[in-house]
Protein backbone atom coordinates (compact mmCIF):
# COMPACT_ATOMS: atom_id res chain seq x y z
CA MET A 1 145.04 209.82 85.33
CA LEU A 2 148.18 209.49 83.45
CA ARG A 3 151.52 210.64 85.14
CA LYS A 4 154.51 212.53 83.46
CA SER A 5 156.32 208.85 83.53
CA GLY A 6 153.59 207.51 81.75
CA THR A 7 152.29 205.01 83.96
CA GLN A 8 148.82 205.05 85.16
CA ARG A 9 147.85 205.75 88.54
CA ARG A 10 144.49 204.31 89.33
CA GLN A 11 142.10 206.39 91.40
CA PRO A 12 140.67 204.72 94.42
CA ALA A 13 136.61 204.08 93.97
CA LEU A 14 134.66 207.14 94.23
CA TRP A 15 132.86 205.68 97.43
CA ARG A 16 136.14 205.10 99.25
CA ARG A 17 137.06 208.71 99.23
CA CYS A 18 133.72 209.88 100.74
CA ARG A 19 134.13 209.44 104.63
CA SER A 20 131.50 212.15 105.44
CA LEU A 21 128.22 213.40 104.17
CA ARG A 22 129.74 216.72 103.43
CA GLN A 23 132.11 214.91 101.05
CA ILE A 24 129.07 212.99 99.21
CA LYS A 25 127.49 216.30 98.81
CA GLN A 26 130.66 217.82 97.12
CA VAL A 27 130.64 214.89 94.78
CA HIS A 28 127.16 215.06 94.09
CA THR A 29 127.52 218.79 93.14
CA LEU A 30 130.38 217.39 91.02
CA LEU A 31 128.32 215.26 89.14
CA VAL A 32 125.51 217.48 88.44
CA LEU A 33 128.12 220.01 87.06
CA ARG A 34 129.20 217.26 84.93
CA GLY A 35 125.61 216.03 84.00
CA PHE A 36 123.99 213.97 86.49
CA LEU A 37 123.11 211.13 84.43
CA SER A 38 126.07 211.05 82.04
CA ASP A 39 128.31 208.75 84.27
CA PRO A 40 126.12 205.82 85.59
CA SER A 41 129.26 204.11 87.16
CA ALA A 42 129.68 207.27 89.27
CA LEU A 43 126.25 207.25 90.09
CA ARG A 44 126.23 204.00 91.26
CA GLU A 45 129.29 204.60 93.40
CA LEU A 46 127.61 207.85 94.75
CA LEU A 47 124.58 205.61 95.78
CA PHE A 48 126.75 203.30 97.53
CA ALA A 49 128.42 205.73 99.59
CA SER A 50 125.19 207.39 100.43
CA ALA A 51 123.60 204.38 101.54
CA VAL A 52 126.11 201.89 102.88
CA ALA A 53 129.79 203.26 103.03
CA VAL A 54 128.78 206.28 105.31
CA ARG A 55 126.93 205.95 108.24
CA GLY A 56 124.03 208.33 108.63
CA ALA A 57 123.81 209.20 104.93
CA ILE A 58 120.51 207.19 103.97
CA ALA A 59 118.68 210.15 103.73
CA HIS A 60 120.65 211.88 101.12
CA ALA A 61 120.97 208.16 99.19
CA TYR A 62 117.00 208.44 98.96
CA HIS A 63 117.53 212.20 97.44
CA VAL A 64 120.08 210.80 94.71
CA PHE A 65 117.67 207.95 94.13
CA GLU A 66 114.91 209.49 93.11
CA GLN A 67 116.38 211.71 90.67
CA ILE A 68 117.42 208.94 88.57
CA PRO A 69 114.73 208.01 85.97
CA HIS A 70 115.44 204.60 85.56
CA PRO A 71 117.40 202.88 88.19
CA ASP A 72 119.30 199.83 87.79
CA LEU A 73 119.30 196.72 89.40
CA PHE A 74 122.46 197.52 91.57
CA MET A 75 121.24 200.97 92.63
CA TYR A 76 117.74 199.10 93.75
CA ASN A 77 119.62 196.90 95.71
CA THR A 78 122.07 199.01 97.12
CA LEU A 79 119.51 201.29 98.26
CA ILE A 80 117.26 198.24 99.63
CA ARG A 81 120.57 197.16 101.54
CA GLY A 82 121.44 200.22 103.02
CA ALA A 83 117.60 200.80 104.16
CA ALA A 84 117.58 197.20 105.65
CA HIS A 85 120.31 198.14 108.14
CA THR A 86 118.54 201.28 109.43
CA SER A 87 116.30 201.90 112.29
CA ALA A 88 113.52 202.42 109.66
CA PRO A 89 113.62 199.03 107.74
CA ARG A 90 110.28 199.15 106.41
CA ASP A 91 111.77 201.55 103.86
CA ALA A 92 113.57 198.57 102.55
CA VAL A 93 110.59 196.35 102.10
CA SER A 94 108.70 199.55 100.48
CA LEU A 95 111.49 200.11 98.03
CA TYR A 96 111.29 196.23 97.09
CA ALA A 97 107.60 196.41 96.61
CA ARG A 98 108.47 199.23 94.29
CA MET A 99 110.81 197.36 92.34
CA ALA A 100 108.52 194.21 92.32
CA ARG A 101 105.63 196.28 90.99
CA LEU A 102 107.63 197.72 88.21
CA SER A 103 109.12 194.52 87.14
CA SER A 104 105.87 193.36 85.83
CA CYS A 105 105.82 196.37 83.74
CA GLY A 106 109.46 195.29 82.12
CA GLY A 107 111.24 196.79 85.04
CA VAL A 108 114.39 195.39 86.78
CA ARG A 109 113.67 191.98 88.70
CA PRO A 110 114.79 191.19 92.19
CA ASP A 111 117.76 188.71 92.06
CA LYS A 112 119.52 186.55 94.78
CA ILE A 113 121.31 189.78 95.97
CA THR A 114 118.01 191.26 96.61
CA PHE A 115 116.53 188.75 98.67
CA PRO A 116 118.59 188.34 101.48
CA PHE A 117 118.31 191.99 102.56
CA VAL A 118 114.73 192.21 102.11
CA LEU A 119 114.40 189.27 104.69
CA ARG A 120 116.85 191.07 106.92
CA ALA A 121 114.17 193.96 106.72
CA CYS A 122 111.30 191.66 107.54
CA THR A 123 113.48 190.20 110.35
CA ALA A 124 114.29 193.62 112.06
CA MET A 125 110.44 194.52 111.77
CA GLY A 126 109.19 191.17 112.94
CA ALA A 127 106.94 191.21 109.78
CA GLY A 128 106.42 187.43 109.34
CA GLY A 129 103.53 187.76 107.44
CA THR A 130 105.50 190.21 104.98
CA GLY A 131 108.42 187.80 105.01
CA ALA A 132 106.06 184.91 104.09
CA GLN A 133 104.98 186.98 101.04
CA VAL A 134 108.48 187.37 100.32
CA HIS A 135 109.48 183.67 100.63
CA GLY A 136 106.40 183.25 98.06
CA HIS A 137 108.22 185.29 95.28
CA VAL A 138 111.61 183.48 96.29
CA VAL A 139 110.08 180.18 95.14
CA LYS A 140 108.50 181.57 92.23
CA ALA A 141 112.14 182.98 91.26
CA GLY A 142 113.42 179.54 91.60
CA LEU A 143 115.93 180.82 94.23
CA GLU A 144 114.92 178.68 97.20
CA SER A 145 117.96 176.45 97.28
CA ASP A 146 120.47 179.39 97.10
CA ALA A 147 122.15 179.13 100.40
CA PHE A 148 122.35 182.95 101.11
CA ILE A 149 118.87 183.30 100.68
CA LYS A 150 117.76 179.78 102.53
CA ASN A 151 119.82 180.77 105.45
CA ALA A 152 117.98 184.30 105.42
CA LEU A 153 114.65 182.71 105.57
CA ILE A 154 115.46 180.43 108.12
CA GLY A 155 116.47 183.37 110.30
CA MET A 156 113.45 185.53 109.54
CA HIS A 157 111.03 182.50 109.98
CA ALA A 158 112.45 181.65 113.31
CA SER A 159 112.69 185.27 114.56
CA CYS A 160 108.99 185.59 113.87
CA GLY A 161 107.80 182.56 115.70
CA GLU A 162 107.58 180.06 112.52
CA LEU A 163 109.48 177.38 113.74
CA GLY A 164 107.83 174.79 112.03
CA VAL A 165 108.74 176.57 108.18
CA ALA A 166 112.36 177.51 110.01
CA ASP A 167 112.81 173.65 111.11
CA ALA A 168 111.52 172.52 107.34
CA LEU A 169 114.09 174.67 105.74
CA PHE A 170 116.92 173.40 108.33
CA ASP A 171 117.28 170.28 106.55
CA CYS A 172 120.18 167.87 106.44
CA ARG A 173 121.87 170.06 103.87
CA ALA A 174 121.23 173.08 105.93
CA ARG A 175 122.56 171.55 109.16
CA GLU A 176 126.25 171.10 107.35
CA ASP A 177 126.39 174.74 106.91
CA ALA A 178 127.55 176.56 110.22
CA VAL A 179 125.73 179.99 108.62
CA ALA A 180 122.24 177.97 109.19
CA TRP A 181 123.02 176.97 112.58
CA SER A 182 123.82 180.86 113.35
CA ALA A 183 120.50 181.95 111.43
CA MET A 184 118.30 179.50 113.46
CA ILE A 185 120.32 180.33 116.88
CA SER A 186 119.76 184.18 116.16
CA GLY A 187 115.98 183.64 115.17
CA CYS A 188 115.44 181.87 118.60
CA ALA A 189 117.41 184.68 120.37
CA ARG A 190 115.48 187.43 118.53
CA ARG A 191 112.30 185.90 119.65
CA GLY A 192 113.27 186.12 123.04
CA ASP A 193 113.36 182.14 123.43
CA ILE A 194 116.97 181.71 124.96
CA GLY A 195 116.73 178.49 126.25
CA ALA A 196 116.15 177.33 122.92
CA ALA A 197 118.89 179.35 121.38
CA ARG A 198 121.17 177.59 123.62
CA ASP A 199 120.00 174.48 123.18
CA LEU A 200 120.92 174.81 119.44
CA PHE A 201 124.04 176.41 119.89
CA ASP A 202 125.14 173.66 122.38
CA GLU A 203 123.92 171.04 119.68
CA CYS A 204 125.69 172.73 116.94
CA PRO A 205 128.52 170.41 115.72
CA VAL A 206 130.84 173.34 114.14
CA LYS A 207 130.50 176.55 115.95
CA ASP A 208 131.77 179.46 113.83
CA LEU A 209 132.80 182.88 114.88
CA VAL A 210 129.05 184.35 114.11
CA SER A 211 127.70 181.44 116.36
CA TRP A 212 129.51 182.80 119.49
CA ASN A 213 128.85 186.29 118.76
CA VAL A 214 125.02 185.74 118.47
CA MET A 215 124.90 183.83 121.80
CA ILE A 216 127.03 186.16 123.44
CA THR A 217 125.17 188.99 122.11
CA ALA A 218 121.87 187.66 122.94
CA TYR A 219 122.74 187.16 126.59
CA ALA A 220 124.40 190.66 126.72
CA LYS A 221 121.05 192.19 125.37
CA ARG A 222 119.18 190.51 127.94
CA GLY A 223 121.59 191.94 130.75
CA GLU A 224 122.34 188.16 131.73
CA MET A 225 126.23 189.13 131.85
CA ALA A 226 127.35 186.11 133.92
CA PRO A 227 126.54 183.53 130.88
CA ALA A 228 127.62 186.07 128.39
CA ARG A 229 131.02 186.50 130.12
CA GLU A 230 131.25 182.55 130.50
CA LEU A 231 130.96 182.39 126.71
CA PHE A 232 132.73 185.12 125.91
CA ASP A 233 135.64 183.46 128.05
CA ARG A 234 135.31 180.17 126.33
CA ALA A 235 135.32 181.44 122.75
CA PRO A 236 138.51 180.16 120.73
CA GLU A 237 138.34 183.47 119.04
CA ARG A 238 136.94 186.82 119.50
CA ASP A 239 136.62 189.61 116.75
CA VAL A 240 135.57 193.39 117.42
CA VAL A 241 131.62 192.57 117.53
CA CYS A 242 132.16 190.10 120.41
CA TRP A 243 134.19 192.59 122.23
CA ASN A 244 131.64 195.18 121.57
CA ALA A 245 128.73 193.05 122.53
CA MET A 246 130.22 192.64 125.97
CA ILE A 247 131.10 196.14 126.96
CA SER A 248 127.91 197.72 125.43
CA GLY A 249 126.24 194.93 127.52
CA TYR A 250 128.08 195.92 130.84
CA VAL A 251 127.43 199.72 130.05
CA ARG A 252 123.68 199.00 129.50
CA CYS A 253 123.86 197.17 133.01
CA GLY A 254 125.43 199.87 134.62
CA SER A 255 128.54 197.92 135.47
CA HIS A 256 131.09 200.91 134.05
CA LYS A 257 133.99 199.36 135.76
CA HIS A 258 133.37 196.25 133.85
CA ALA A 259 133.25 197.85 130.60
CA MET A 260 136.42 199.58 131.39
CA ASP A 261 138.26 196.69 132.49
CA LEU A 262 137.07 195.02 129.40
CA PHE A 263 138.02 197.67 127.20
CA GLU A 264 141.92 197.66 128.50
CA GLN A 265 142.03 193.83 128.11
CA MET A 266 140.88 194.37 124.50
CA GLN A 267 144.01 196.80 124.22
CA ARG A 268 146.22 194.61 125.82
CA THR A 269 145.25 191.46 122.92
CA GLY A 270 146.17 194.10 120.24
CA LYS A 271 142.55 194.24 119.15
CA LYS A 272 141.70 197.60 117.96
CA PRO A 273 138.40 199.20 118.97
CA ASP A 274 135.96 200.65 116.35
CA VAL A 275 133.41 203.28 116.29
CA ILE A 276 130.62 201.35 117.86
CA THR A 277 133.49 200.53 120.88
CA MET A 278 133.91 204.17 121.55
CA LEU A 279 130.16 204.76 121.32
CA SER A 280 129.83 202.41 124.10
CA LEU A 281 132.57 203.93 126.24
CA LEU A 282 131.41 207.48 125.58
CA SER A 283 128.16 206.17 126.94
CA ALA A 284 129.58 204.86 130.03
CA CYS A 285 131.50 208.26 130.70
CA ALA A 286 128.23 210.02 130.34
CA ASP A 287 126.34 207.89 132.62
CA SER A 288 129.33 207.74 135.33
CA GLY A 289 130.18 211.25 134.82
CA ASP A 290 133.79 210.55 134.44
CA LEU A 291 134.91 213.83 132.49
CA ASP A 292 138.49 212.81 132.80
CA VAL A 293 138.13 209.62 130.60
CA GLY A 294 135.99 211.28 128.47
CA ARG A 295 138.35 213.93 127.47
CA ARG A 296 141.01 211.24 127.09
CA LEU A 297 138.67 209.29 124.30
CA HIS A 298 137.96 212.50 122.83
CA SER A 299 141.45 213.37 122.15
CA SER A 300 142.29 210.15 120.72
CA LEU A 301 138.99 209.88 118.40
CA SER A 302 140.60 213.59 117.51
CA GLU A 303 143.63 211.95 116.09
CA LYS A 304 142.06 209.63 113.94
CA PHE A 305 139.33 211.87 112.63
CA SER A 306 141.98 215.04 112.12
CA GLY A 307 141.42 215.00 108.24
CA THR A 308 137.73 214.50 107.91
CA GLY A 309 136.21 215.58 111.17
CA PHE A 310 133.82 213.39 113.36
CA THR A 311 130.95 211.81 111.98
CA VAL A 312 127.48 212.86 113.03
CA ILE A 313 127.08 209.92 115.10
CA LEU A 314 130.73 210.36 117.08
CA GLY A 315 130.14 213.97 117.12
CA ASN A 316 126.73 213.75 119.04
CA ALA A 317 127.83 211.35 121.54
CA LEU A 318 130.83 213.52 122.41
CA ILE A 319 128.30 216.39 123.02
CA HIS A 320 126.05 214.17 124.92
CA MET A 321 128.98 212.87 126.87
CA TYR A 322 130.12 216.60 127.74
CA ALA A 323 126.79 217.81 128.46
CA LYS A 324 125.93 215.24 130.65
CA CYS A 325 129.31 215.89 132.58
CA GLY A 326 128.53 219.34 133.09
CA SER A 327 131.29 220.47 130.74
CA MET A 328 129.36 222.87 128.37
CA LYS A 329 132.50 224.72 127.01
CA SER A 330 133.73 221.60 125.64
CA ALA A 331 130.47 220.38 124.27
CA LEU A 332 130.34 223.66 122.36
CA GLU A 333 134.07 223.23 121.00
CA VAL A 334 132.85 219.96 119.41
CA PHE A 335 129.84 221.36 118.25
CA TRP A 336 131.33 224.34 116.27
CA VAL A 337 134.01 222.20 114.74
CA MET A 338 131.52 219.33 113.32
CA ARG A 339 131.06 219.72 109.81
CA ASP A 340 127.98 217.87 109.50
CA LYS A 341 124.89 218.20 111.98
CA ASP A 342 121.75 216.65 112.27
CA VAL A 343 118.53 217.48 114.42
CA SER A 344 120.17 215.65 117.16
CA THR A 345 123.01 217.74 117.37
CA TRP A 346 121.07 220.81 117.72
CA ASN A 347 118.90 219.52 120.32
CA SER A 348 121.80 218.01 122.56
CA ILE A 349 123.59 221.48 122.52
CA ILE A 350 120.53 223.29 122.99
CA GLY A 351 119.41 221.09 125.89
CA GLY A 352 122.47 220.76 127.26
CA LEU A 353 122.64 224.51 127.87
CA ALA A 354 119.48 225.13 128.87
CA LEU A 355 119.96 222.32 131.49
CA HIS A 356 123.20 223.82 132.93
CA GLY A 357 122.02 227.37 133.34
CA HIS A 358 123.26 229.18 130.10
CA ALA A 359 119.84 230.18 128.78
CA LEU A 360 120.59 232.90 126.98
CA GLU A 361 123.14 230.70 124.80
CA SER A 362 120.74 228.08 124.51
CA VAL A 363 118.26 230.37 122.88
CA ASP A 364 121.08 231.82 120.36
CA VAL A 365 121.80 228.22 119.49
CA PHE A 366 118.24 227.83 118.57
CA LYS A 367 117.95 231.08 116.64
CA LYS A 368 120.90 229.88 114.83
CA MET A 369 119.47 226.39 114.00
CA LEU A 370 116.61 228.29 112.32
CA LYS A 371 118.35 230.59 110.49
CA GLU A 372 120.49 227.67 109.17
CA LYS A 373 117.08 226.24 107.90
CA VAL A 374 117.39 223.13 110.13
CA ARG A 375 113.96 221.95 111.03
CA PRO A 376 113.31 221.63 114.55
CA ASP A 377 111.35 218.18 116.00
CA GLU A 378 109.42 218.27 119.24
CA ILE A 379 112.72 217.63 121.06
CA THR A 380 114.27 221.04 119.87
CA PHE A 381 111.14 222.74 121.33
CA VAL A 382 111.35 220.80 124.83
CA ALA A 383 114.85 222.10 125.02
CA VAL A 384 114.35 225.61 124.35
CA LEU A 385 111.33 226.06 126.48
CA ILE A 386 113.65 224.87 129.30
CA ALA A 387 116.07 227.49 128.63
CA CYS A 388 113.37 230.07 128.38
CA SER A 389 111.72 228.81 131.86
CA HIS A 390 115.10 228.56 133.54
CA GLY A 391 115.89 232.14 132.30
CA GLY A 392 112.57 233.88 132.78
CA MET A 393 111.97 234.65 129.48
CA VAL A 394 108.38 234.48 129.52
CA ASP A 395 107.56 236.32 126.32
CA LYS A 396 109.94 234.29 124.67
CA GLY A 397 108.49 231.05 125.55
CA ARG A 398 105.09 232.15 124.69
CA GLU A 399 106.40 233.20 120.90
CA TYR A 400 107.98 229.56 120.80
CA PHE A 401 105.32 227.74 122.05
CA ASN A 402 103.22 229.28 119.29
CA LEU A 403 105.88 228.96 116.75
CA MET A 404 106.00 224.88 117.22
CA GLN A 405 102.25 224.79 116.50
CA GLN A 406 101.71 227.39 113.88
CA GLN A 407 104.93 227.23 111.76
CA TYR A 408 105.89 223.60 112.27
CA ARG A 409 102.74 222.00 112.91
CA ILE A 410 103.98 220.08 116.19
CA GLU A 411 101.06 219.39 118.55
CA PRO A 412 102.50 220.13 122.11
CA ASN A 413 102.60 216.78 124.20
CA VAL A 414 102.46 216.74 127.99
CA LYS A 415 106.33 217.59 128.24
CA HIS A 416 105.62 221.04 126.10
CA TYR A 417 102.93 221.79 128.58
CA GLY A 418 104.98 221.07 131.67
CA CYS A 419 107.65 223.53 130.42
CA MET A 420 105.18 226.21 129.92
CA VAL A 421 103.83 225.76 133.14
CA ASP A 422 107.07 225.72 134.88
CA MET A 423 107.84 228.87 133.15
CA LEU A 424 104.81 230.84 134.28
CA GLY A 425 105.15 229.17 137.74
CA ARG A 426 108.96 230.33 138.09
CA ALA A 427 108.18 233.82 137.00
CA GLY A 428 105.10 234.08 139.65
CA LEU A 429 102.24 234.00 137.12
CA LEU A 430 100.33 231.33 138.97
CA LYS A 431 96.76 232.37 137.89
CA GLU A 432 98.12 232.55 134.19
CA ALA A 433 99.61 228.82 134.89
CA PHE A 434 96.51 227.71 136.22
CA GLU A 435 94.32 228.99 133.36
CA PHE A 436 96.85 227.48 130.99
CA ILE A 437 96.18 223.93 132.37
CA ASP A 438 92.77 224.51 131.78
CA THR A 439 93.22 224.93 127.94
CA MET A 440 95.74 222.04 127.72
CA LYS A 441 94.59 219.58 125.13
CA VAL A 442 96.00 216.69 127.35
CA GLU A 443 95.21 215.71 130.95
CA PRO A 444 97.86 217.22 133.01
CA ASN A 445 99.89 214.82 134.80
CA SER A 446 101.01 214.55 138.35
CA VAL A 447 104.50 216.27 137.45
CA ILE A 448 103.00 219.31 136.08
CA TRP A 449 100.52 219.70 139.14
CA ARG A 450 103.77 218.84 141.78
CA THR A 451 105.49 221.85 139.69
CA LEU A 452 102.71 224.30 140.08
CA LEU A 453 102.47 222.99 143.72
CA GLY A 454 105.94 223.91 143.93
CA ALA A 455 105.84 227.28 142.47
CA CYS A 456 103.11 228.33 144.87
CA ARG A 457 105.50 227.39 147.61
CA VAL A 458 107.98 229.81 146.36
CA HIS A 459 105.81 232.61 145.67
CA GLY A 460 103.57 231.83 149.13
CA GLU A 461 100.02 231.06 147.38
CA ILE A 462 98.38 229.03 149.78
CA GLU A 463 94.89 229.19 148.21
CA LEU A 464 96.43 228.09 144.86
CA ALA A 465 98.51 225.41 146.48
CA GLU A 466 95.38 223.93 147.92
CA HIS A 467 93.89 223.82 144.49
CA ALA A 468 97.19 222.18 142.99
CA ASN A 469 97.66 219.63 145.83
CA ARG A 470 94.04 218.68 145.60
CA GLN A 471 94.45 217.74 141.81
CA LEU A 472 97.75 216.18 142.54
CA LEU A 473 96.18 213.96 144.92
CA LYS A 474 93.77 212.89 142.63
CA ALA A 475 96.55 211.88 139.87
CA ARG A 476 98.51 209.91 142.69
CA SER A 477 97.87 209.86 146.34
CA ASP A 478 100.79 207.67 147.27
CA ASP A 479 103.52 209.94 147.10
CA SER A 480 105.01 211.02 150.59
CA GLY A 481 106.40 214.21 148.94
CA ASP A 482 103.12 215.54 147.87
CA TYR A 483 101.88 215.81 151.38
CA VAL A 484 105.22 217.33 152.85
CA LEU A 485 105.33 219.78 150.12
CA LEU A 486 101.88 221.39 150.98
CA SER A 487 102.72 220.91 154.77
CA ASN A 488 105.81 222.91 154.20
CA ILE A 489 103.89 225.55 152.20
CA TYR A 490 101.34 226.03 155.33
CA ALA A 491 104.35 226.01 157.83
CA SER A 492 106.33 228.89 155.78
CA ALA A 493 102.93 231.07 156.01
CA GLY A 494 102.77 230.45 159.95
CA GLU A 495 99.58 228.08 159.59
CA TRP A 496 100.88 225.52 161.86
CA LEU A 497 97.67 224.10 162.42
CA GLU A 498 96.93 223.26 158.95
CA SER A 499 100.57 221.84 158.63
CA GLU A 500 99.85 219.48 161.26
CA LYS A 501 96.42 218.40 159.76
CA MET A 502 98.16 217.70 156.30
CA ARG A 503 100.82 215.50 158.32
CA LYS A 504 98.03 213.65 160.11
CA LEU A 505 96.23 213.11 156.71
CA MET A 506 99.43 211.52 155.15
CA ASP A 507 99.46 209.03 158.30
CA ASP A 508 95.73 208.41 157.88
CA SER A 509 96.26 207.48 154.48
CA GLY A 510 98.73 204.99 155.03
CA VAL A 511 101.49 206.84 153.17
CA ASN A 512 104.85 206.44 154.89
CA LYS A 513 107.82 208.94 154.34
CA GLU A 514 111.12 206.84 153.52
CA ALA A 515 114.18 208.09 155.63
CA GLY A 516 116.61 210.06 153.61
CA ARG A 517 119.78 208.14 152.72
CA THR A 518 123.37 208.78 150.87
CA VAL A 519 124.59 205.90 148.62
CA VAL A 520 128.42 206.33 147.62
CA ASP A 521 129.43 204.25 144.91
CA GLY A 522 133.05 203.78 144.20
CA SER A 523 133.00 201.57 141.43
CA THR A 524 133.54 204.13 138.97
CA LYS A 525 136.44 205.71 140.40
CA ASP A 526 137.94 202.25 140.59
CA SER A 527 137.28 201.23 137.29
CA VAL A 528 138.86 203.99 135.41
CA GLN A 529 141.78 204.51 137.90
CA SER A 530 144.46 202.78 136.10
CA PHE A 531 142.81 204.04 132.87
CA ARG A 532 143.14 207.53 133.86
CA GLY A 533 146.64 207.09 135.91
CA SER A 534 149.27 208.11 133.14
CA LYS A 535 149.11 210.74 130.66
CA SER A 536 149.70 208.48 127.74
CA HIS A 537 147.60 205.13 127.97
CA PRO A 538 148.89 202.55 125.79
CA GLY A 539 145.27 201.49 125.04
CA LEU A 540 144.16 204.69 123.24
CA LYS A 541 147.10 204.83 120.62
CA GLY A 542 145.87 204.53 117.01
CA PHE A 543 142.94 202.24 118.48
CA ILE A 544 140.88 202.43 115.39
CA GLY A 545 141.66 200.39 112.40
């Protein structure tokens, strides 16, 4: 663009201007209006934004890619790269296979950029056989000596248990490369051989940042936080990956105090957390029920994303946190301001409303979901059936149960059946509930029979309770609660002799009833005391770079 002064102002790359899926779709629409295939450079940038730059937009990248009649090498590599970093790395291998097949007919050929990403996908899948085939293609292409490809091969073979091949590649020249050492260490750690990984780490002559991160992450993922912390404290430098590994490790272990303490330490060192850090912290707030800290994190995130809005992943994490903490008003506020939503977003809000007694609101959101043409999945129907059960909406529950099967071709699983049994039991339709169980395509588990037994107690149905209890004891006979529940049903009906017989049966079966107890955990409060102490915590100002 030319300014009036005559100087040219260079516009930022298209992918840099795309910060969300919504913006990607807007750019896509603009390209269509201008002639979708008329600007290959813009197409490449759109594909890069969808596959790599914006998290959660890979589905749109596939949509764009399939509209391009003859994708070039950059486009293939970009989509393979994006797919290799998702939870479905198999798609990267499928794209590579398609690329290799077409190359034999004059299409684009894989190059030294392609292979590392394909090998990464094989590593993530644990597909040693497929990786070996790709290795053969590398040799055929004459690229085995390329350092990046060689390191990827070492990591893949080590991860998939082919240590002989990995050792052969890990020759004298490779041993001079810190990245090759990291690949070997990472491969052993991925395979679960933490001892071999540590031996390699200790043997490594020059440990780079990646080596430290690989070893710390390996320990943290296994829940071995003591050796992870020992290495973390020894590390000569720490990047955000290192901090994230430790914080997420503490969160997974339920050590929320240590996670929050480490977050504060991170702030004091001047290191800025990223989105991964915040996802871990929001998970800690959800697990510990600490709404106050969650709100502070939300406030800081709102400042950072005031212009573009939350990404889908962050928005979902906030909704989950508020729902777990029981603040559905705040969860709804996040939900309605999110510009982009996926099925998990809808599931979280529908399920949260249902579990917190807002059955009508939950069903209303489900209706809006259908109206907006968002395809529900099996989790969606579990959530809305819970709403129908808790809200006494039997007719609606039947309608949605049939809708799930007839329109969306989703076969009900034991959770869907359990929701239906619970709904009928709560409504007092116990005979219908028993008949429904007889029609189930899966074997009813102890949860379903226990649900029905509880409903029999509420409605005073002794005969049906006896039948439910017999089925329950067949499924599981070592739970004292099942005996006590039927004993209490007899007692409620004044049949004290039968109640006593059930207690005696429990004793004769060797089933012990554990004494009730209360556990008070003060660690959560302690962990965030200083964090929530002031209205403006210094660690929450401009924390994401």
